[in-house]
Amino acid sequence: MTKLPMADVPESGDRLVIRPSLLASIFNAGLSVAFAVLFALASTTRGNSIGDIAFELSLALMGLLLALHLISMRVEANGSHVAKLYFFGLLSRQIPYRELKVSHHAERSSEGGGSYAVEDFQGLHTSFSLIPFWVWRTSDVQAVVERTLRYTARLHRPEDKSAQRCPNPDCAGAVMSKVSGGSDGELWRCEICGTEAYVSTPRAGR
């Protein structure tokens, strides 16, 4: 079966990696220290029952997890996919460029302080979002968006005018593979969702 055109997509060694901003890291470190202080205060003001000890340990553990979550998070974009990784790569949300849709929307602050932009990365089976300025530097997010859009544009570009695109909106217009063909028409199949389309060969009028 003919594969989707991949010649224009950069190799996987061409990798972009971004990490949380310094501002977010400092805030998270301060939050962890605050939990540690609460743990110390709770240890001196509360009793030594099992319930008290469990409460104090839960405060310390929550602070540690918050710090670890942010410090260990990163986003990678290489020649085949974009991914958001958590806890130093133990957990990840990976989206191949063949399935990727990139969009953005505005969300209003819960405190009524205006709105902020959110960049959405949507795949067939998973998705994730990046919020510029707060956790991620705006320039870093823009670099990821530009790179992924460039890769998907190259991947979805037909090699010739006869190439067919998948009609399934979830596939973001991916180029279909030609399965068979004859004098009457051609059968095309999308390698992402499996949708098939038969294209009849135009006949010259008599």
N, C-alpha and C. Protein backbone atom coordinates (compact mmCIF):
# COMPACT_ATOMS: atom_id res chain seq x y z
N MET A 1 0.84 -1.20 0.00
CA MET A 1 0.00 0.00 0.00
C MET A 1 0.88 1.25 0.00
N THR A 2 0.52 2.25 -0.77
CA THR A 2 1.28 3.49 -0.84
C THR A 2 1.19 4.25 0.48
N LYS A 3 2.33 4.70 0.98
CA LYS A 3 2.37 5.45 2.23
C LYS A 3 2.06 6.92 1.99
N LEU A 4 1.65 7.60 3.04
CA LEU A 4 1.45 9.04 2.94
C LEU A 4 2.78 9.72 2.66
N PRO A 5 2.79 10.81 1.89
CA PRO A 5 4.04 11.49 1.57
C PRO A 5 4.70 12.05 2.82
N MET A 6 5.98 11.66 3.04
CA MET A 6 6.70 12.08 4.24
C MET A 6 8.02 12.76 3.90
N ALA A 7 8.35 12.90 2.65
CA ALA A 7 9.68 13.35 2.27
C ALA A 7 10.01 14.73 2.78
N ASP A 8 9.00 15.59 2.90
CA ASP A 8 9.27 16.96 3.30
C ASP A 8 9.28 17.15 4.81
N VAL A 9 8.98 16.11 5.59
CA VAL A 9 8.94 16.25 7.03
C VAL A 9 10.33 16.08 7.59
N PRO A 10 10.82 17.00 8.46
CA PRO A 10 12.17 16.90 9.00
C PRO A 10 12.37 15.60 9.78
N GLU A 11 13.62 15.17 9.90
CA GLU A 11 13.93 13.96 10.64
C GLU A 11 13.69 14.18 12.13
N SER A 12 13.56 13.06 12.88
CA SER A 12 13.23 13.13 14.30
C SER A 12 14.33 13.79 15.12
N GLY A 13 15.56 13.88 14.56
CA GLY A 13 16.62 14.54 15.31
C GLY A 13 16.43 16.04 15.42
N ASP A 14 15.60 16.61 14.55
CA ASP A 14 15.31 18.04 14.59
C ASP A 14 14.27 18.27 15.68
N ARG A 15 14.71 18.51 16.91
CA ARG A 15 13.80 18.52 18.07
C ARG A 15 13.81 19.87 18.76
N LEU A 16 12.62 20.34 19.11
CA LEU A 16 12.45 21.56 19.90
C LEU A 16 11.90 21.17 21.26
N VAL A 17 12.52 21.64 22.34
CA VAL A 17 12.08 21.33 23.70
C VAL A 17 11.89 22.63 24.48
N ILE A 18 10.73 22.78 25.11
CA ILE A 18 10.49 23.94 25.97
C ILE A 18 10.13 23.47 27.37
N ARG A 19 10.44 24.29 28.37
CA ARG A 19 10.16 23.99 29.76
C ARG A 19 9.47 25.18 30.41
N PRO A 20 8.86 24.99 31.58
CA PRO A 20 8.15 26.09 32.24
C PRO A 20 9.05 27.30 32.47
N SER A 21 8.42 28.47 32.51
CA SER A 21 9.16 29.71 32.66
C SER A 21 9.75 29.83 34.06
N LEU A 22 10.73 30.71 34.19
CA LEU A 22 11.38 30.94 35.49
C LEU A 22 10.39 31.47 36.51
N LEU A 23 9.47 32.33 36.08
CA LEU A 23 8.47 32.90 36.99
C LEU A 23 7.61 31.80 37.60
N ALA A 24 7.13 30.88 36.77
CA ALA A 24 6.29 29.80 37.26
C ALA A 24 7.08 28.88 38.18
N SER A 25 8.35 28.63 37.86
CA SER A 25 9.17 27.75 38.69
C SER A 25 9.41 28.36 40.07
N ILE A 26 9.68 29.67 40.09
CA ILE A 26 9.91 30.35 41.38
C ILE A 26 8.63 30.32 42.21
N PHE A 27 7.49 30.59 41.58
CA PHE A 27 6.23 30.56 42.31
C PHE A 27 5.96 29.18 42.88
N ASN A 28 6.21 28.15 42.08
CA ASN A 28 5.94 26.80 42.54
C ASN A 28 6.88 26.41 43.68
N ALA A 29 8.14 26.84 43.59
CA ALA A 29 9.08 26.57 44.68
C ALA A 29 8.62 27.26 45.96
N GLY A 30 8.14 28.51 45.83
CA GLY A 30 7.62 29.23 47.00
C GLY A 30 6.40 28.55 47.59
N LEU A 31 5.56 28.00 46.71
CA LEU A 31 4.37 27.29 47.19
C LEU A 31 4.77 26.04 47.97
N SER A 32 5.81 25.38 47.50
CA SER A 32 6.28 24.18 48.20
C SER A 32 6.84 24.53 49.57
N VAL A 33 7.57 25.65 49.63
CA VAL A 33 8.10 26.10 50.92
C VAL A 33 6.95 26.43 51.88
N ALA A 34 5.89 27.05 51.34
CA ALA A 34 4.74 27.39 52.19
C ALA A 34 4.10 26.14 52.77
N PHE A 35 3.98 25.10 51.95
CA PHE A 35 3.43 23.84 52.46
C PHE A 35 4.34 23.24 53.53
N ALA A 36 5.66 23.37 53.33
CA ALA A 36 6.59 22.85 54.32
C ALA A 36 6.45 23.60 55.66
N VAL A 37 6.25 24.92 55.56
CA VAL A 37 6.05 25.72 56.78
C VAL A 37 4.77 25.31 57.48
N LEU A 38 3.71 25.12 56.68
CA LEU A 38 2.44 24.66 57.27
C LEU A 38 2.61 23.31 57.95
N PHE A 39 3.42 22.46 57.36
CA PHE A 39 3.68 21.15 57.94
C PHE A 39 4.38 21.31 59.29
N ALA A 40 5.38 22.22 59.34
CA ALA A 40 6.10 22.43 60.59
C ALA A 40 5.20 23.02 61.66
N LEU A 41 4.35 23.99 61.28
CA LEU A 41 3.44 24.60 62.25
C LEU A 41 2.42 23.59 62.75
N ALA A 42 1.92 22.78 61.83
CA ALA A 42 0.94 21.76 62.22
C ALA A 42 1.55 20.76 63.18
N SER A 43 2.84 20.49 63.01
CA SER A 43 3.50 19.52 63.87
C SER A 43 3.61 20.01 65.31
N THR A 44 3.69 21.35 65.47
CA THR A 44 3.86 21.90 66.81
C THR A 44 2.54 22.23 67.49
N THR A 45 1.47 22.38 66.73
CA THR A 45 0.20 22.80 67.32
C THR A 45 -0.81 21.67 67.44
N ARG A 46 -0.59 20.59 66.69
CA ARG A 46 -1.54 19.48 66.73
C ARG A 46 -0.99 18.33 67.55
N GLY A 47 -1.81 17.37 67.84
CA GLY A 47 -1.39 16.23 68.63
C GLY A 47 -0.60 15.23 67.82
N ASN A 48 -0.36 14.08 68.38
CA ASN A 48 0.44 13.06 67.73
C ASN A 48 -0.37 11.82 67.36
N SER A 49 -1.67 12.00 67.18
CA SER A 49 -2.50 10.88 66.80
C SER A 49 -2.22 10.51 65.34
N ILE A 50 -2.69 9.33 64.94
CA ILE A 50 -2.48 8.89 63.56
C ILE A 50 -3.12 9.85 62.56
N GLY A 51 -4.31 10.36 62.92
CA GLY A 51 -4.98 11.31 62.05
C GLY A 51 -4.19 12.60 61.89
N ASP A 52 -3.60 13.09 62.99
CA ASP A 52 -2.80 14.32 62.92
C ASP A 52 -1.56 14.12 62.05
N ILE A 53 -0.90 13.00 62.25
CA ILE A 53 0.31 12.72 61.46
C ILE A 53 -0.03 12.58 59.98
N ALA A 54 -1.14 11.92 59.66
CA ALA A 54 -1.56 11.76 58.27
C ALA A 54 -1.87 13.11 57.63
N PHE A 55 -2.51 14.01 58.38
CA PHE A 55 -2.82 15.35 57.87
C PHE A 55 -1.54 16.12 57.56
N GLU A 56 -0.57 16.05 58.45
CA GLU A 56 0.67 16.79 58.26
C GLU A 56 1.47 16.24 57.08
N LEU A 57 1.51 14.92 56.97
CA LEU A 57 2.22 14.31 55.85
C LEU A 57 1.54 14.62 54.52
N SER A 58 0.22 14.71 54.50
CA SER A 58 -0.50 15.03 53.27
C SER A 58 -0.17 16.43 52.79
N LEU A 59 0.00 17.38 53.73
CA LEU A 59 0.39 18.74 53.34
C LEU A 59 1.77 18.75 52.69
N ALA A 60 2.70 18.04 53.31
CA ALA A 60 4.05 18.01 52.76
C ALA A 60 4.08 17.30 51.40
N LEU A 61 3.33 16.22 51.27
CA LEU A 61 3.29 15.47 50.01
C LEU A 61 2.66 16.30 48.89
N MET A 62 1.62 17.05 49.22
CA MET A 62 0.96 17.89 48.22
C MET A 62 1.92 18.94 47.68
N GLY A 63 2.67 19.56 48.57
CA GLY A 63 3.64 20.56 48.14
C GLY A 63 4.73 19.95 47.27
N LEU A 64 5.19 18.77 47.64
CA LEU A 64 6.22 18.09 46.86
C LEU A 64 5.72 17.73 45.47
N LEU A 65 4.48 17.22 45.38
CA LEU A 65 3.92 16.84 44.09
C LEU A 65 3.71 18.05 43.19
N LEU A 66 3.27 19.17 43.76
CA LEU A 66 3.09 20.39 42.96
C LEU A 66 4.41 20.85 42.37
N ALA A 67 5.45 20.83 43.19
CA ALA A 67 6.77 21.26 42.72
C ALA A 67 7.29 20.31 41.65
N LEU A 68 7.18 19.01 41.90
CA LEU A 68 7.69 18.01 40.98
C LEU A 68 6.94 18.05 39.65
N HIS A 69 5.62 18.28 39.72
CA HIS A 69 4.81 18.33 38.50
C HIS A 69 5.28 19.43 37.56
N LEU A 70 5.52 20.60 38.10
CA LEU A 70 5.90 21.74 37.26
C LEU A 70 7.35 21.63 36.80
N ILE A 71 8.25 21.30 37.72
CA ILE A 71 9.67 21.25 37.38
C ILE A 71 9.95 20.16 36.34
N SER A 72 9.22 19.05 36.39
CA SER A 72 9.50 17.92 35.51
C SER A 72 8.76 17.98 34.18
N MET A 73 7.94 19.00 33.97
CA MET A 73 7.12 19.08 32.77
C MET A 73 7.90 19.70 31.61
N ARG A 74 7.64 19.21 30.40
CA ARG A 74 8.25 19.81 29.21
C ARG A 74 7.39 19.48 27.99
N VAL A 75 7.61 20.22 26.90
CA VAL A 75 6.94 19.98 25.62
C VAL A 75 8.01 19.76 24.58
N GLU A 76 7.83 18.72 23.76
CA GLU A 76 8.78 18.40 22.70
C GLU A 76 8.07 18.38 21.35
N ALA A 77 8.74 18.92 20.35
CA ALA A 77 8.25 18.85 18.97
C ALA A 77 9.40 18.39 18.10
N ASN A 78 9.27 17.21 17.50
CA ASN A 78 10.33 16.72 16.61
C ASN A 78 9.76 16.49 15.22
N GLY A 79 10.42 15.66 14.43
CA GLY A 79 10.00 15.50 13.04
C GLY A 79 8.78 14.65 12.82
N SER A 80 8.28 13.98 13.87
CA SER A 80 7.14 13.08 13.67
C SER A 80 5.94 13.38 14.57
N HIS A 81 6.15 14.06 15.70
CA HIS A 81 5.04 14.29 16.63
C HIS A 81 5.36 15.45 17.57
N VAL A 82 4.33 15.90 18.27
CA VAL A 82 4.48 16.86 19.35
C VAL A 82 3.94 16.19 20.62
N ALA A 83 4.59 16.44 21.75
CA ALA A 83 4.21 15.74 22.98
C ALA A 83 4.39 16.65 24.19
N LYS A 84 3.52 16.47 25.17
CA LYS A 84 3.64 17.11 26.46
C LYS A 84 3.96 16.02 27.48
N LEU A 85 5.10 16.16 28.17
CA LEU A 85 5.58 15.12 29.06
C LEU A 85 5.54 15.59 30.51
N TYR A 86 5.18 14.68 31.40
CA TYR A 86 5.06 14.96 32.83
C TYR A 86 5.97 14.03 33.62
N PHE A 87 6.41 14.50 34.78
CA PHE A 87 7.23 13.69 35.70
C PHE A 87 8.41 13.06 34.96
N PHE A 88 9.19 13.95 34.28
CA PHE A 88 10.41 13.57 33.59
C PHE A 88 10.17 12.49 32.53
N GLY A 89 9.00 12.53 31.89
CA GLY A 89 8.71 11.62 30.79
C GLY A 89 8.01 10.34 31.18
N LEU A 90 7.73 10.13 32.47
CA LEU A 90 7.02 8.92 32.89
C LEU A 90 5.60 8.90 32.33
N LEU A 91 4.98 10.07 32.20
CA LEU A 91 3.66 10.22 31.60
C LEU A 91 3.77 11.19 30.44
N SER A 92 3.00 10.95 29.40
CA SER A 92 3.08 11.86 28.25
C SER A 92 1.79 11.82 27.45
N ARG A 93 1.57 12.89 26.71
CA ARG A 93 0.48 12.97 25.73
C ARG A 93 1.13 13.30 24.40
N GLN A 94 1.15 12.32 23.52
CA GLN A 94 1.87 12.41 22.26
C GLN A 94 0.90 12.40 21.09
N ILE A 95 1.07 13.36 20.17
CA ILE A 95 0.17 13.48 19.02
C ILE A 95 1.01 13.47 17.74
N PRO A 96 0.84 12.46 16.88
CA PRO A 96 1.53 12.46 15.58
C PRO A 96 1.02 13.61 14.72
N TYR A 97 1.88 14.13 13.86
CA TYR A 97 1.48 15.25 13.01
C TYR A 97 0.36 14.87 12.06
N ARG A 98 0.24 13.58 11.71
CA ARG A 98 -0.83 13.16 10.82
C ARG A 98 -2.21 13.40 11.44
N GLU A 99 -2.27 13.40 12.78
CA GLU A 99 -3.55 13.55 13.47
C GLU A 99 -3.75 14.95 14.05
N LEU A 100 -2.74 15.79 14.00
CA LEU A 100 -2.73 17.03 14.79
C LEU A 100 -3.59 18.13 14.20
N LYS A 101 -4.35 18.76 15.08
CA LYS A 101 -5.04 20.01 14.79
C LYS A 101 -4.58 21.04 15.82
N VAL A 102 -4.14 22.20 15.36
CA VAL A 102 -3.71 23.27 16.25
C VAL A 102 -4.69 24.42 16.16
N SER A 103 -5.19 24.87 17.29
CA SER A 103 -6.12 25.99 17.33
C SER A 103 -5.89 26.77 18.62
N HIS A 104 -6.59 27.87 18.75
CA HIS A 104 -6.48 28.64 19.99
C HIS A 104 -7.83 29.25 20.34
N HIS A 105 -8.01 29.53 21.61
CA HIS A 105 -9.23 30.18 22.07
C HIS A 105 -8.91 31.03 23.29
N ALA A 106 -9.82 31.89 23.64
CA ALA A 106 -9.64 32.77 24.79
C ALA A 106 -10.51 32.29 25.95
N GLU A 107 -9.95 32.31 27.14
CA GLU A 107 -10.68 31.97 28.35
C GLU A 107 -10.67 33.15 29.30
N ARG A 108 -11.79 33.36 29.98
CA ARG A 108 -11.89 34.46 30.91
C ARG A 108 -11.39 34.03 32.27
N SER A 109 -10.69 34.93 32.94
CA SER A 109 -10.18 34.64 34.26
C SER A 109 -11.33 34.47 35.25
N SER A 110 -11.20 33.50 36.14
CA SER A 110 -12.24 33.26 37.15
C SER A 110 -12.36 34.42 38.12
N GLU A 111 -11.30 35.24 38.20
CA GLU A 111 -11.32 36.40 39.09
C GLU A 111 -11.83 37.65 38.41
N GLY A 112 -12.24 37.52 37.15
CA GLY A 112 -12.79 38.67 36.43
C GLY A 112 -11.75 39.66 35.97
N GLY A 113 -10.50 39.21 35.83
CA GLY A 113 -9.43 40.13 35.44
C GLY A 113 -9.14 40.15 33.97
N GLY A 114 -10.08 39.80 33.15
CA GLY A 114 -9.88 39.78 31.71
C GLY A 114 -9.78 38.38 31.18
N SER A 115 -9.21 38.23 29.97
CA SER A 115 -9.11 36.93 29.33
C SER A 115 -7.65 36.64 28.97
N TYR A 116 -7.38 35.38 28.67
CA TYR A 116 -6.05 34.98 28.26
C TYR A 116 -6.17 33.93 27.17
N ALA A 117 -5.11 33.84 26.35
CA ALA A 117 -5.13 32.94 25.21
C ALA A 117 -4.69 31.54 25.62
N VAL A 118 -5.27 30.54 24.98
CA VAL A 118 -4.91 29.15 25.21
C VAL A 118 -4.66 28.50 23.85
N GLU A 119 -3.50 27.85 23.69
CA GLU A 119 -3.19 27.13 22.46
C GLU A 119 -3.56 25.66 22.65
N ASP A 120 -4.39 25.13 21.77
CA ASP A 120 -4.89 23.76 21.88
C ASP A 120 -4.23 22.87 20.82
N PHE A 121 -3.77 21.70 21.26
CA PHE A 121 -3.19 20.69 20.37
C PHE A 121 -4.07 19.46 20.47
N GLN A 122 -4.80 19.15 19.40
CA GLN A 122 -5.82 18.10 19.42
C GLN A 122 -5.43 16.96 18.49
N GLY A 123 -5.46 15.72 19.02
CA GLY A 123 -5.23 14.53 18.22
C GLY A 123 -6.48 13.67 18.20
N LEU A 124 -6.39 12.50 17.59
CA LEU A 124 -7.55 11.62 17.54
C LEU A 124 -7.84 10.99 18.90
N HIS A 125 -6.79 10.75 19.69
CA HIS A 125 -6.97 10.02 20.94
C HIS A 125 -6.54 10.80 22.18
N THR A 126 -5.87 11.92 22.02
CA THR A 126 -5.45 12.70 23.18
C THR A 126 -5.30 14.16 22.78
N SER A 127 -5.14 15.02 23.75
CA SER A 127 -4.99 16.45 23.50
C SER A 127 -4.32 17.10 24.70
N PHE A 128 -3.82 18.30 24.49
CA PHE A 128 -3.30 19.10 25.59
C PHE A 128 -3.31 20.56 25.19
N SER A 129 -3.16 21.42 26.17
CA SER A 129 -3.19 22.87 25.93
C SER A 129 -1.98 23.53 26.57
N LEU A 130 -1.59 24.67 26.01
CA LEU A 130 -0.51 25.48 26.57
C LEU A 130 -1.03 26.90 26.75
N ILE A 131 -0.76 27.47 27.93
CA ILE A 131 -1.18 28.84 28.22
C ILE A 131 0.07 29.72 28.25
N PRO A 132 0.24 30.61 27.26
CA PRO A 132 1.41 31.49 27.25
C PRO A 132 1.44 32.42 28.47
N PHE A 133 2.63 32.83 28.85
CA PHE A 133 2.93 33.83 29.88
C PHE A 133 3.00 33.24 31.27
N TRP A 134 1.99 32.46 31.70
CA TRP A 134 1.99 32.04 33.09
C TRP A 134 2.98 30.89 33.31
N VAL A 135 2.65 29.71 32.84
CA VAL A 135 3.56 28.56 33.01
C VAL A 135 4.62 28.54 31.91
N TRP A 136 4.19 28.87 30.70
CA TRP A 136 5.09 28.78 29.55
C TRP A 136 5.39 30.18 29.01
N ARG A 137 6.63 30.41 28.62
CA ARG A 137 6.99 31.68 28.00
C ARG A 137 6.26 31.83 26.67
N THR A 138 5.77 33.02 26.40
CA THR A 138 5.00 33.27 25.18
C THR A 138 5.81 32.94 23.94
N SER A 139 7.09 33.32 23.92
CA SER A 139 7.94 33.05 22.76
C SER A 139 8.13 31.56 22.55
N ASP A 140 8.22 30.79 23.64
CA ASP A 140 8.39 29.33 23.52
C ASP A 140 7.14 28.68 22.94
N VAL A 141 5.97 29.10 23.43
CA VAL A 141 4.72 28.54 22.91
C VAL A 141 4.57 28.87 21.43
N GLN A 142 4.91 30.10 21.05
CA GLN A 142 4.80 30.49 19.65
C GLN A 142 5.74 29.67 18.78
N ALA A 143 6.91 29.35 19.31
CA ALA A 143 7.86 28.54 18.54
C ALA A 143 7.31 27.13 18.31
N VAL A 144 6.66 26.56 19.33
CA VAL A 144 6.07 25.23 19.17
C VAL A 144 4.93 25.27 18.16
N VAL A 145 4.07 26.29 18.25
CA VAL A 145 2.94 26.41 17.33
C VAL A 145 3.44 26.55 15.89
N GLU A 146 4.42 27.41 15.68
CA GLU A 146 4.92 27.64 14.33
C GLU A 146 5.56 26.37 13.75
N ARG A 147 6.30 25.66 14.59
CA ARG A 147 6.95 24.45 14.10
C ARG A 147 5.93 23.37 13.75
N THR A 148 4.95 23.15 14.63
CA THR A 148 3.97 22.10 14.36
C THR A 148 3.12 22.43 13.13
N LEU A 149 2.77 23.70 12.97
CA LEU A 149 2.00 24.10 11.79
C LEU A 149 2.81 23.89 10.52
N ARG A 150 4.10 24.18 10.58
CA ARG A 150 4.96 23.99 9.41
C ARG A 150 5.07 22.51 9.06
N TYR A 151 5.21 21.66 10.08
CA TYR A 151 5.33 20.23 9.83
C TYR A 151 4.04 19.66 9.26
N THR A 152 2.89 20.03 9.86
CA THR A 152 1.62 19.48 9.38
C THR A 152 1.31 19.97 7.97
N ALA A 153 1.68 21.21 7.66
CA ALA A 153 1.44 21.73 6.32
C ALA A 153 2.23 20.93 5.29
N ARG A 154 3.47 20.56 5.62
CA ARG A 154 4.28 19.77 4.70
C ARG A 154 3.74 18.35 4.57
N LEU A 155 3.28 17.80 5.70
CA LEU A 155 2.77 16.44 5.68
C LEU A 155 1.50 16.31 4.87
N HIS A 156 0.63 17.32 4.95
CA HIS A 156 -0.67 17.25 4.30
C HIS A 156 -0.68 17.82 2.89
N ARG A 157 0.49 18.22 2.40
CA ARG A 157 0.54 18.78 1.06
C ARG A 157 0.57 17.65 0.02
N PRO A 158 -0.36 17.61 -0.90
CA PRO A 158 -0.35 16.55 -1.91
C PRO A 158 0.89 16.63 -2.79
N GLU A 159 1.39 15.46 -3.22
CA GLU A 159 2.52 15.43 -4.12
C GLU A 159 2.10 15.84 -5.54
N ASP A 160 0.85 15.57 -5.88
CA ASP A 160 0.36 15.97 -7.19
C ASP A 160 -1.11 16.36 -7.07
N LYS A 161 -1.64 16.92 -8.11
CA LYS A 161 -3.01 17.43 -8.08
C LYS A 161 -4.05 16.31 -7.98
N SER A 162 -3.68 15.08 -8.33
CA SER A 162 -4.64 13.99 -8.29
C SER A 162 -4.79 13.38 -6.89
N ALA A 163 -3.88 13.72 -5.95
CA ALA A 163 -3.95 13.16 -4.60
C ALA A 163 -5.24 13.59 -3.91
N GLN A 164 -5.87 12.66 -3.18
CA GLN A 164 -7.13 12.92 -2.51
C GLN A 164 -6.91 13.19 -1.01
N ARG A 165 -7.77 14.04 -0.46
CA ARG A 165 -7.71 14.33 0.98
C ARG A 165 -8.87 13.64 1.69
N CYS A 166 -8.62 13.25 2.94
CA CYS A 166 -9.65 12.54 3.71
C CYS A 166 -10.82 13.47 4.01
N PRO A 167 -12.06 13.01 3.77
CA PRO A 167 -13.23 13.85 4.06
C PRO A 167 -13.58 13.91 5.54
N ASN A 168 -12.96 13.05 6.36
CA ASN A 168 -13.23 13.04 7.80
C ASN A 168 -12.61 14.28 8.44
N PRO A 169 -13.40 15.17 9.06
CA PRO A 169 -12.84 16.40 9.63
C PRO A 169 -11.85 16.14 10.75
N ASP A 170 -11.91 14.97 11.39
CA ASP A 170 -10.97 14.66 12.46
C ASP A 170 -9.55 14.44 11.97
N CYS A 171 -9.39 14.22 10.67
CA CYS A 171 -8.07 13.94 10.11
C CYS A 171 -7.39 15.19 9.57
N ALA A 172 -8.00 16.32 9.73
CA ALA A 172 -7.40 17.61 9.35
C ALA A 172 -6.95 17.64 7.89
N GLY A 173 -7.71 16.99 7.01
CA GLY A 173 -7.39 17.04 5.59
C GLY A 173 -6.16 16.27 5.18
N ALA A 174 -5.86 15.16 5.89
CA ALA A 174 -4.67 14.36 5.58
C ALA A 174 -4.76 13.78 4.18
N VAL A 175 -3.61 13.63 3.53
CA VAL A 175 -3.56 13.05 2.20
C VAL A 175 -3.86 11.56 2.30
N MET A 176 -4.74 11.05 1.42
CA MET A 176 -5.10 9.64 1.42
C MET A 176 -4.13 8.84 0.56
N SER A 177 -4.05 7.53 0.83
CA SER A 177 -3.20 6.64 0.06
C SER A 177 -4.01 5.95 -1.04
N LYS A 178 -3.41 5.86 -2.21
CA LYS A 178 -4.08 5.19 -3.31
C LYS A 178 -3.92 3.68 -3.15
N VAL A 179 -5.06 2.97 -3.02
CA VAL A 179 -5.05 1.53 -2.80
C VAL A 179 -5.04 0.77 -4.12
N SER A 180 -5.89 1.17 -5.03
CA SER A 180 -5.97 0.50 -6.33
C SER A 180 -6.53 1.49 -7.35
N GLY A 181 -6.37 1.14 -8.59
CA GLY A 181 -6.88 2.02 -9.64
C GLY A 181 -6.99 1.29 -10.96
N GLY A 182 -7.91 1.77 -11.78
CA GLY A 182 -8.11 1.18 -13.09
C GLY A 182 -8.70 2.20 -14.03
N SER A 183 -9.21 1.70 -15.14
CA SER A 183 -9.76 2.62 -16.13
C SER A 183 -11.06 3.27 -15.66
N ASP A 184 -11.77 2.59 -14.72
CA ASP A 184 -13.05 3.12 -14.25
C ASP A 184 -12.90 4.09 -13.08
N GLY A 185 -11.85 3.93 -12.29
CA GLY A 185 -11.68 4.80 -11.15
C GLY A 185 -10.58 4.33 -10.21
N GLU A 186 -10.44 5.02 -9.08
CA GLU A 186 -9.37 4.73 -8.12
C GLU A 186 -9.95 4.64 -6.71
N LEU A 187 -9.39 3.74 -5.91
CA LEU A 187 -9.79 3.59 -4.52
C LEU A 187 -8.70 4.17 -3.64
N TRP A 188 -9.11 5.11 -2.76
CA TRP A 188 -8.17 5.78 -1.85
C TRP A 188 -8.57 5.46 -0.41
N ARG A 189 -7.57 5.38 0.47
CA ARG A 189 -7.84 5.09 1.88
C ARG A 189 -7.01 6.01 2.78
N CYS A 190 -7.66 6.50 3.85
CA CYS A 190 -6.97 7.32 4.85
C CYS A 190 -6.28 6.40 5.86
N GLU A 191 -4.98 6.54 6.06
CA GLU A 191 -4.25 5.69 6.99
C GLU A 191 -4.46 6.10 8.44
N ILE A 192 -5.13 7.21 8.66
CA ILE A 192 -5.40 7.65 10.04
C ILE A 192 -6.67 7.02 10.56
N CYS A 193 -7.78 7.19 9.82
CA CYS A 193 -9.08 6.72 10.32
C CYS A 193 -9.63 5.54 9.53
N GLY A 194 -9.02 5.19 8.39
CA GLY A 194 -9.48 4.06 7.60
C GLY A 194 -10.57 4.39 6.61
N THR A 195 -10.98 5.64 6.51
CA THR A 195 -12.01 6.03 5.55
C THR A 195 -11.56 5.75 4.12
N GLU A 196 -12.45 5.17 3.33
CA GLU A 196 -12.15 4.89 1.93
C GLU A 196 -13.03 5.74 1.02
N ALA A 197 -12.48 6.10 -0.10
CA ALA A 197 -13.22 6.90 -1.08
C ALA A 197 -12.91 6.39 -2.48
N TYR A 198 -13.95 6.19 -3.26
CA TYR A 198 -13.78 5.75 -4.65
C TYR A 198 -14.00 6.96 -5.56
N VAL A 199 -13.01 7.21 -6.39
CA VAL A 199 -13.07 8.35 -7.31
C VAL A 199 -13.17 7.82 -8.73
N SER A 200 -14.29 8.09 -9.34
CA SER A 200 -14.52 7.62 -10.72
C SER A 200 -13.69 8.41 -11.71
N THR A 201 -13.23 7.74 -12.74
CA THR A 201 -12.46 8.38 -13.79
C THR A 201 -13.42 9.06 -14.77
N PRO A 202 -13.25 10.36 -14.99
CA PRO A 202 -14.15 11.05 -15.92
C PRO A 202 -14.06 10.44 -17.32
N ARG A 203 -15.20 10.27 -17.95
CA ARG A 203 -15.26 9.73 -19.31
C ARG A 203 -15.52 10.86 -20.31
N ALA A 204 -14.83 10.78 -21.38
CA ALA A 204 -15.00 11.79 -22.43
C ALA A 204 -16.38 11.67 -23.04
N GLY A 205 -17.03 12.78 -23.26
CA GLY A 205 -18.36 12.78 -23.85
C GLY A 205 -18.35 12.34 -25.30
N ARG A 206 -19.40 11.71 -25.71
CA ARG A 206 -19.49 11.25 -27.10
C ARG A 206 -19.90 12.37 -28.00
